[in-house]
Amino acid sequence: MRNLEFEAETIQISIYCNIIVQILKRHKELSINKIIVFAYLIKKERLIPCKVYNGNNSQDIVYKCISLLAGDYDGYCNSIKYIIKSLHLLILNETVQLENNLLRCRLDKKMGNVIYDENMFIDNAIEASKKMTDKQFLKEVIYNV
């Protein structure tokens, strides 16, 4: 039984490693707080049968994206430990660099195939979130979760 738990944790960490690297390759740099939220939302997106928002949304896009966390407190909190472990692993392996709370992907490192790709809506939300402070971003996350 314990072995099964380790296998499940390993799968979760590998999925989040892939998602984090793909986000950073596309968006160059992002804070730890924002990467945690967006990595979770990208993974969760595959479980949502119908899309609430699409790439055509442009007004308050970050707030709309964060609102997808509403009602999913337990799932979000349970996933944070896997995302943090993934970040730690990526930093130790020097795939990702951490400097002044900003994560950057090393361009010389290759990563496997994209498992979970971000859609245009989340892509636009990530870019728009760069204009927000981490404090403002986290206030919105806490308000919605």
N, C-alpha and C. Protein backbone atom coordinates (compact mmCIF):
# COMPACT_ATOMS: atom_id res chain seq x y z
N MET A 1 0.83 -1.20 0.00
CA MET A 1 0.00 0.00 0.00
C MET A 1 0.87 1.26 0.00
N ARG A 2 1.91 1.26 0.80
CA ARG A 2 2.81 2.42 0.88
C ARG A 2 3.52 2.64 -0.45
N ASN A 3 3.86 1.57 -1.12
CA ASN A 3 4.53 1.65 -2.42
C ASN A 3 3.63 2.32 -3.46
N LEU A 4 2.34 2.04 -3.38
CA LEU A 4 1.37 2.64 -4.28
C LEU A 4 1.29 4.16 -4.07
N GLU A 5 1.38 4.59 -2.81
CA GLU A 5 1.37 6.02 -2.49
C GLU A 5 2.60 6.71 -3.08
N PHE A 6 3.74 6.06 -2.99
CA PHE A 6 4.97 6.64 -3.57
C PHE A 6 4.86 6.75 -5.09
N GLU A 7 4.28 5.74 -5.71
CA GLU A 7 4.10 5.78 -7.15
C GLU A 7 3.16 6.90 -7.57
N ALA A 8 2.09 7.09 -6.83
CA ALA A 8 1.13 8.16 -7.12
C ALA A 8 1.79 9.53 -6.94
N GLU A 9 2.58 9.67 -5.90
CA GLU A 9 3.29 10.93 -5.65
C GLU A 9 4.30 11.21 -6.76
N THR A 10 4.99 10.19 -7.20
CA THR A 10 5.97 10.34 -8.28
C THR A 10 5.30 10.80 -9.57
N ILE A 11 4.15 10.25 -9.87
CA ILE A 11 3.42 10.65 -11.08
C ILE A 11 2.98 12.10 -10.98
N GLN A 12 2.45 12.48 -9.81
CA GLN A 12 2.03 13.87 -9.61
C GLN A 12 3.20 14.84 -9.79
N ILE A 13 4.33 14.52 -9.19
CA ILE A 13 5.50 15.39 -9.27
C ILE A 13 6.00 15.49 -10.70
N SER A 14 6.02 14.38 -11.42
CA SER A 14 6.50 14.42 -12.81
C SER A 14 5.57 15.24 -13.70
N ILE A 15 4.27 15.16 -13.46
CA ILE A 15 3.32 15.96 -14.22
C ILE A 15 3.55 17.44 -13.96
N TYR A 16 3.68 17.80 -12.69
CA TYR A 16 3.91 19.21 -12.36
C TYR A 16 5.26 19.71 -12.85
N CYS A 17 6.28 18.87 -12.85
CA CYS A 17 7.58 19.27 -13.41
C CYS A 17 7.42 19.65 -14.88
N ASN A 18 6.72 18.83 -15.61
CA ASN A 18 6.49 19.09 -17.03
C ASN A 18 5.71 20.40 -17.23
N ILE A 19 4.67 20.59 -16.45
CA ILE A 19 3.84 21.79 -16.59
C ILE A 19 4.66 23.04 -16.26
N ILE A 20 5.42 23.00 -15.18
CA ILE A 20 6.22 24.16 -14.77
C ILE A 20 7.24 24.53 -15.83
N VAL A 21 7.93 23.55 -16.36
CA VAL A 21 8.93 23.83 -17.40
C VAL A 21 8.27 24.41 -18.64
N GLN A 22 7.13 23.88 -19.03
CA GLN A 22 6.44 24.40 -20.21
C GLN A 22 5.97 25.84 -19.99
N ILE A 23 5.49 26.15 -18.80
CA ILE A 23 5.09 27.53 -18.49
C ILE A 23 6.28 28.46 -18.60
N LEU A 24 7.39 28.05 -18.00
CA LEU A 24 8.57 28.93 -17.98
C LEU A 24 9.23 29.05 -19.35
N LYS A 25 9.18 28.01 -20.15
CA LYS A 25 9.73 28.11 -21.51
C LYS A 25 8.92 29.10 -22.34
N ARG A 26 7.63 29.11 -22.12
CA ARG A 26 6.75 29.99 -22.90
C ARG A 26 6.75 31.43 -22.39
N HIS A 27 6.78 31.60 -21.07
CA HIS A 27 6.62 32.93 -20.48
C HIS A 27 7.91 33.51 -19.88
N LYS A 28 9.00 32.82 -20.04
CA LYS A 28 10.34 33.25 -19.63
C LYS A 28 10.56 33.29 -18.12
N GLU A 29 9.75 34.02 -17.37
CA GLU A 29 9.91 34.06 -15.92
C GLU A 29 8.57 34.31 -15.25
N LEU A 30 8.47 33.79 -14.02
CA LEU A 30 7.23 33.94 -13.26
C LEU A 30 7.58 33.72 -11.79
N SER A 31 6.85 34.36 -10.91
CA SER A 31 7.11 34.19 -9.47
C SER A 31 6.62 32.82 -9.00
N ILE A 32 7.12 32.43 -7.87
CA ILE A 32 6.74 31.14 -7.29
C ILE A 32 5.24 31.10 -7.02
N ASN A 33 4.72 32.17 -6.44
CA ASN A 33 3.29 32.22 -6.10
C ASN A 33 2.42 32.04 -7.32
N LYS A 34 2.78 32.67 -8.40
CA LYS A 34 1.97 32.59 -9.62
C LYS A 34 2.13 31.24 -10.29
N ILE A 35 3.33 30.68 -10.26
CA ILE A 35 3.55 29.39 -10.92
C ILE A 35 2.74 28.29 -10.22
N ILE A 36 2.60 28.39 -8.90
CA ILE A 36 1.83 27.39 -8.16
C ILE A 36 0.38 27.40 -8.63
N VAL A 37 -0.20 28.58 -8.71
CA VAL A 37 -1.61 28.70 -9.11
C VAL A 37 -1.81 28.26 -10.55
N PHE A 38 -0.98 28.75 -11.46
CA PHE A 38 -1.19 28.44 -12.87
C PHE A 38 -0.88 26.98 -13.19
N ALA A 39 0.11 26.39 -12.52
CA ALA A 39 0.39 24.97 -12.74
C ALA A 39 -0.81 24.13 -12.31
N TYR A 40 -1.40 24.48 -11.18
CA TYR A 40 -2.58 23.75 -10.73
C TYR A 40 -3.74 23.92 -11.70
N LEU A 41 -3.96 25.14 -12.17
CA LEU A 41 -5.08 25.38 -13.09
C LEU A 41 -4.90 24.67 -14.42
N ILE A 42 -3.67 24.60 -14.91
CA ILE A 42 -3.43 23.90 -16.17
C ILE A 42 -3.71 22.41 -16.01
N LYS A 43 -3.28 21.84 -14.89
CA LYS A 43 -3.54 20.42 -14.67
C LYS A 43 -5.04 20.18 -14.46
N LYS A 44 -5.67 21.06 -13.72
CA LYS A 44 -7.11 20.92 -13.43
C LYS A 44 -7.95 21.09 -14.69
N GLU A 45 -7.46 21.87 -15.62
CA GLU A 45 -8.22 22.17 -16.84
C GLU A 45 -8.65 20.91 -17.59
N ARG A 46 -7.82 19.89 -17.55
CA ARG A 46 -8.18 18.65 -18.26
C ARG A 46 -9.36 17.94 -17.63
N LEU A 47 -9.63 18.25 -16.35
CA LEU A 47 -10.72 17.59 -15.65
C LEU A 47 -12.05 18.32 -15.84
N ILE A 48 -11.98 19.56 -16.35
CA ILE A 48 -13.20 20.34 -16.55
C ILE A 48 -13.78 19.99 -17.92
N PRO A 49 -14.99 19.45 -17.96
CA PRO A 49 -15.55 19.01 -19.24
C PRO A 49 -15.87 20.14 -20.21
N CYS A 50 -16.33 21.28 -19.70
CA CYS A 50 -16.63 22.39 -20.60
C CYS A 50 -15.89 23.62 -20.13
N LYS A 51 -15.47 24.41 -21.06
CA LYS A 51 -14.69 25.60 -20.76
C LYS A 51 -15.62 26.75 -20.41
N VAL A 52 -15.31 27.43 -19.30
CA VAL A 52 -16.08 28.58 -18.90
C VAL A 52 -15.63 29.81 -19.68
N TYR A 53 -14.32 29.93 -19.83
CA TYR A 53 -13.74 31.07 -20.54
C TYR A 53 -12.90 30.56 -21.70
N ASN A 54 -12.67 31.43 -22.68
CA ASN A 54 -11.80 31.07 -23.80
C ASN A 54 -10.83 32.20 -24.09
N GLY A 55 -10.05 32.06 -25.11
CA GLY A 55 -9.03 33.04 -25.47
C GLY A 55 -9.59 34.38 -25.90
N ASN A 56 -10.88 34.47 -26.17
CA ASN A 56 -11.48 35.74 -26.57
C ASN A 56 -11.71 36.68 -25.40
N ASN A 57 -11.71 36.14 -24.18
CA ASN A 57 -11.88 36.99 -23.00
C ASN A 57 -10.67 37.89 -22.84
N SER A 58 -10.92 39.17 -22.58
CA SER A 58 -9.79 40.09 -22.39
C SER A 58 -9.98 41.00 -21.19
N GLN A 59 -11.19 41.17 -20.71
CA GLN A 59 -11.46 42.01 -19.55
C GLN A 59 -11.27 41.20 -18.27
N ASP A 60 -10.50 41.74 -17.35
CA ASP A 60 -10.27 41.11 -16.03
C ASP A 60 -9.87 39.64 -16.16
N ILE A 61 -9.00 39.36 -17.08
CA ILE A 61 -8.67 37.97 -17.41
C ILE A 61 -8.00 37.24 -16.24
N VAL A 62 -7.16 37.92 -15.48
CA VAL A 62 -6.50 37.27 -14.34
C VAL A 62 -7.53 36.91 -13.29
N TYR A 63 -8.45 37.80 -13.02
CA TYR A 63 -9.48 37.54 -12.01
C TYR A 63 -10.39 36.40 -12.44
N LYS A 64 -10.71 36.35 -13.71
CA LYS A 64 -11.53 35.25 -14.23
C LYS A 64 -10.79 33.92 -14.12
N CYS A 65 -9.51 33.94 -14.41
CA CYS A 65 -8.71 32.72 -14.33
C CYS A 65 -8.63 32.23 -12.88
N ILE A 66 -8.36 33.15 -11.97
CA ILE A 66 -8.27 32.77 -10.55
C ILE A 66 -9.62 32.28 -10.04
N SER A 67 -10.70 32.79 -10.61
CA SER A 67 -12.03 32.36 -10.16
C SER A 67 -12.28 30.88 -10.44
N LEU A 68 -11.47 30.28 -11.31
CA LEU A 68 -11.61 28.84 -11.57
C LEU A 68 -11.21 28.00 -10.35
N LEU A 69 -10.54 28.64 -9.38
CA LEU A 69 -10.18 27.95 -8.14
C LEU A 69 -11.36 27.85 -7.17
N ALA A 70 -12.39 28.64 -7.39
CA ALA A 70 -13.52 28.71 -6.46
C ALA A 70 -14.10 27.33 -6.21
N GLY A 71 -14.29 27.03 -4.95
CA GLY A 71 -14.90 25.76 -4.56
C GLY A 71 -13.96 24.58 -4.61
N ASP A 72 -12.69 24.82 -4.83
CA ASP A 72 -11.74 23.71 -4.95
C ASP A 72 -10.59 23.86 -3.94
N TYR A 73 -10.92 24.30 -2.75
CA TYR A 73 -9.92 24.55 -1.71
C TYR A 73 -9.10 23.29 -1.41
N ASP A 74 -9.77 22.18 -1.18
CA ASP A 74 -9.07 20.94 -0.82
C ASP A 74 -8.14 20.46 -1.93
N GLY A 75 -8.63 20.47 -3.15
CA GLY A 75 -7.80 20.03 -4.27
C GLY A 75 -6.59 20.92 -4.46
N TYR A 76 -6.79 22.23 -4.34
CA TYR A 76 -5.70 23.18 -4.48
C TYR A 76 -4.65 22.98 -3.38
N CYS A 77 -5.12 22.91 -2.14
CA CYS A 77 -4.20 22.73 -1.01
C CYS A 77 -3.44 21.41 -1.09
N ASN A 78 -4.11 20.35 -1.51
CA ASN A 78 -3.43 19.05 -1.63
C ASN A 78 -2.38 19.07 -2.73
N SER A 79 -2.59 19.85 -3.76
CA SER A 79 -1.65 19.90 -4.88
C SER A 79 -0.43 20.76 -4.61
N ILE A 80 -0.53 21.68 -3.68
CA ILE A 80 0.59 22.59 -3.41
C ILE A 80 1.85 21.82 -3.03
N LYS A 81 1.70 20.77 -2.22
CA LYS A 81 2.90 20.02 -1.80
C LYS A 81 3.60 19.36 -3.00
N TYR A 82 2.83 18.90 -3.98
CA TYR A 82 3.44 18.28 -5.16
C TYR A 82 4.11 19.34 -6.04
N ILE A 83 3.50 20.50 -6.12
CA ILE A 83 4.08 21.57 -6.94
C ILE A 83 5.38 22.06 -6.30
N ILE A 84 5.39 22.21 -4.97
CA ILE A 84 6.60 22.65 -4.27
C ILE A 84 7.71 21.61 -4.42
N LYS A 85 7.37 20.34 -4.30
CA LYS A 85 8.38 19.28 -4.49
C LYS A 85 8.91 19.29 -5.92
N SER A 86 8.03 19.56 -6.88
CA SER A 86 8.45 19.64 -8.28
C SER A 86 9.41 20.81 -8.49
N LEU A 87 9.07 21.95 -7.91
CA LEU A 87 9.96 23.11 -8.02
C LEU A 87 11.32 22.81 -7.40
N HIS A 88 11.30 22.20 -6.23
CA HIS A 88 12.55 21.85 -5.55
C HIS A 88 13.41 20.93 -6.42
N LEU A 89 12.79 19.93 -6.99
CA LEU A 89 13.49 18.98 -7.86
C LEU A 89 14.06 19.68 -9.09
N LEU A 90 13.28 20.54 -9.71
CA LEU A 90 13.74 21.26 -10.91
C LEU A 90 14.89 22.21 -10.59
N ILE A 91 14.85 22.83 -9.43
CA ILE A 91 15.93 23.73 -9.02
C ILE A 91 17.19 22.93 -8.70
N LEU A 92 17.04 21.81 -8.01
CA LEU A 92 18.19 20.96 -7.69
C LEU A 92 18.87 20.43 -8.95
N ASN A 93 18.08 20.08 -9.94
CA ASN A 93 18.62 19.56 -11.20
C ASN A 93 19.06 20.67 -12.15
N GLU A 94 18.93 21.91 -11.71
CA GLU A 94 19.33 23.09 -12.47
C GLU A 94 18.57 23.23 -13.79
N THR A 95 17.38 22.70 -13.83
CA THR A 95 16.51 22.89 -14.98
C THR A 95 15.85 24.26 -14.88
N VAL A 96 15.58 24.67 -13.64
CA VAL A 96 14.96 25.95 -13.35
C VAL A 96 15.86 26.73 -12.40
N GLN A 97 15.95 28.02 -12.62
CA GLN A 97 16.74 28.88 -11.75
C GLN A 97 15.80 29.74 -10.92
N LEU A 98 16.15 29.92 -9.66
CA LEU A 98 15.39 30.77 -8.76
C LEU A 98 16.26 31.95 -8.37
N GLU A 99 15.77 33.15 -8.67
CA GLU A 99 16.52 34.36 -8.35
C GLU A 99 15.52 35.47 -8.01
N ASN A 100 15.63 36.00 -6.79
CA ASN A 100 14.73 37.06 -6.32
C ASN A 100 13.26 36.69 -6.47
N ASN A 101 12.90 35.49 -6.08
CA ASN A 101 11.53 34.97 -6.13
C ASN A 101 11.01 34.80 -7.56
N LEU A 102 11.86 34.89 -8.55
CA LEU A 102 11.46 34.67 -9.93
C LEU A 102 12.08 33.37 -10.43
N LEU A 103 11.25 32.58 -11.06
CA LEU A 103 11.72 31.32 -11.64
C LEU A 103 11.96 31.52 -13.13
N ARG A 104 13.06 30.96 -13.60
CA ARG A 104 13.39 31.00 -15.03
C ARG A 104 13.84 29.60 -15.44
N CYS A 105 13.48 29.24 -16.66
CA CYS A 105 13.88 27.94 -17.19
C CYS A 105 15.21 28.10 -17.91
N ARG A 106 16.11 27.19 -17.68
CA ARG A 106 17.38 27.22 -18.41
C ARG A 106 17.11 26.78 -19.83
N LEU A 107 17.52 27.59 -20.76
CA LEU A 107 17.23 27.33 -22.17
C LEU A 107 17.99 26.14 -22.73
N ASP A 108 19.15 25.84 -22.13
CA ASP A 108 19.96 24.74 -22.65
C ASP A 108 19.45 23.37 -22.22
N LYS A 109 18.52 23.34 -21.27
CA LYS A 109 17.96 22.06 -20.80
C LYS A 109 16.80 21.65 -21.69
N LYS A 110 16.78 20.40 -22.08
CA LYS A 110 15.68 19.88 -22.89
C LYS A 110 14.69 19.18 -21.98
N MET A 111 13.44 19.27 -22.37
CA MET A 111 12.38 18.62 -21.62
C MET A 111 11.61 17.74 -22.59
N GLY A 112 10.97 16.74 -22.06
CA GLY A 112 10.22 15.80 -22.89
C GLY A 112 9.00 16.44 -23.53
N ASN A 113 8.11 15.61 -23.98
CA ASN A 113 6.89 16.07 -24.64
C ASN A 113 5.99 16.83 -23.68
N VAL A 114 5.19 17.69 -24.23
CA VAL A 114 4.23 18.45 -23.45
C VAL A 114 3.08 17.51 -23.08
N ILE A 115 2.83 17.40 -21.79
CA ILE A 115 1.75 16.54 -21.32
C ILE A 115 0.46 17.34 -21.22
N TYR A 116 0.54 18.46 -20.55
CA TYR A 116 -0.63 19.33 -20.36
C TYR A 116 -0.26 20.68 -20.97
N ASP A 117 -0.91 21.05 -22.02
CA ASP A 117 -0.61 22.32 -22.67
C ASP A 117 -1.61 23.37 -22.18
N GLU A 118 -1.13 24.59 -22.04
CA GLU A 118 -2.03 25.65 -21.61
C GLU A 118 -2.83 26.16 -22.79
N ASN A 119 -4.07 26.53 -22.54
CA ASN A 119 -4.90 27.07 -23.61
C ASN A 119 -4.66 28.57 -23.72
N MET A 120 -5.27 29.20 -24.70
CA MET A 120 -5.06 30.62 -24.96
C MET A 120 -5.52 31.48 -23.79
N PHE A 121 -6.60 31.06 -23.13
CA PHE A 121 -7.11 31.82 -21.99
C PHE A 121 -6.08 31.88 -20.86
N ILE A 122 -5.54 30.74 -20.48
CA ILE A 122 -4.54 30.71 -19.40
C ILE A 122 -3.26 31.40 -19.85
N ASP A 123 -2.89 31.23 -21.10
CA ASP A 123 -1.72 31.92 -21.64
C ASP A 123 -1.86 33.44 -21.48
N ASN A 124 -3.01 33.97 -21.84
CA ASN A 124 -3.26 35.41 -21.70
C ASN A 124 -3.30 35.83 -20.23
N ALA A 125 -3.86 34.97 -19.37
CA ALA A 125 -3.93 35.29 -17.94
C ALA A 125 -2.54 35.33 -17.32
N ILE A 126 -1.66 34.43 -17.72
CA ILE A 126 -0.29 34.43 -17.19
C ILE A 126 0.42 35.71 -17.59
N GLU A 127 0.28 36.10 -18.84
CA GLU A 127 0.92 37.34 -19.29
C GLU A 127 0.35 38.56 -18.56
N ALA A 128 -0.95 38.58 -18.37
CA ALA A 128 -1.58 39.71 -17.67
C ALA A 128 -1.19 39.73 -16.19
N SER A 129 -0.95 38.56 -15.60
CA SER A 129 -0.59 38.50 -14.18
C SER A 129 0.77 39.10 -13.90
N LYS A 130 1.61 39.20 -14.93
CA LYS A 130 2.93 39.80 -14.74
C LYS A 130 2.84 41.28 -14.37
N LYS A 131 1.69 41.89 -14.64
CA LYS A 131 1.48 43.30 -14.30
C LYS A 131 1.00 43.47 -12.86
N MET A 132 0.66 42.37 -12.20
CA MET A 132 0.17 42.40 -10.83
C MET A 132 1.31 42.09 -9.87
N THR A 133 1.24 42.66 -8.68
CA THR A 133 2.21 42.30 -7.65
C THR A 133 1.81 40.94 -7.08
N ASP A 134 2.76 40.26 -6.47
CA ASP A 134 2.45 38.97 -5.86
C ASP A 134 1.44 39.13 -4.73
N LYS A 135 1.53 40.21 -4.00
CA LYS A 135 0.60 40.45 -2.90
C LYS A 135 -0.83 40.58 -3.42
N GLN A 136 -1.01 41.36 -4.46
CA GLN A 136 -2.34 41.54 -5.05
C GLN A 136 -2.85 40.22 -5.63
N PHE A 137 -1.97 39.47 -6.27
CA PHE A 137 -2.33 38.19 -6.86
C PHE A 137 -2.79 37.21 -5.78
N LEU A 138 -2.02 37.12 -4.69
CA LEU A 138 -2.37 36.19 -3.62
C LEU A 138 -3.65 36.59 -2.89
N LYS A 139 -3.92 37.88 -2.79
CA LYS A 139 -5.19 38.31 -2.20
C LYS A 139 -6.36 37.78 -3.01
N GLU A 140 -6.24 37.83 -4.32
CA GLU A 140 -7.30 37.32 -5.18
C GLU A 140 -7.43 35.80 -5.04
N VAL A 141 -6.30 35.11 -4.95
CA VAL A 141 -6.33 33.65 -4.80
C VAL A 141 -7.03 33.29 -3.50
N ILE A 142 -6.64 33.95 -2.41
CA ILE A 142 -7.25 33.65 -1.11
C ILE A 142 -8.73 33.98 -1.12
N TYR A 143 -9.10 35.06 -1.76
CA TYR A 143 -10.51 35.45 -1.84
C TYR A 143 -11.33 34.39 -2.59
N ASN A 144 -10.76 33.82 -3.63
CA ASN A 144 -11.49 32.85 -4.45
C ASN A 144 -11.45 31.42 -3.92
N VAL A 145 -10.40 31.08 -3.23
CA VAL A 145 -10.30 29.70 -2.73
C VAL A 145 -11.12 29.59 -1.49
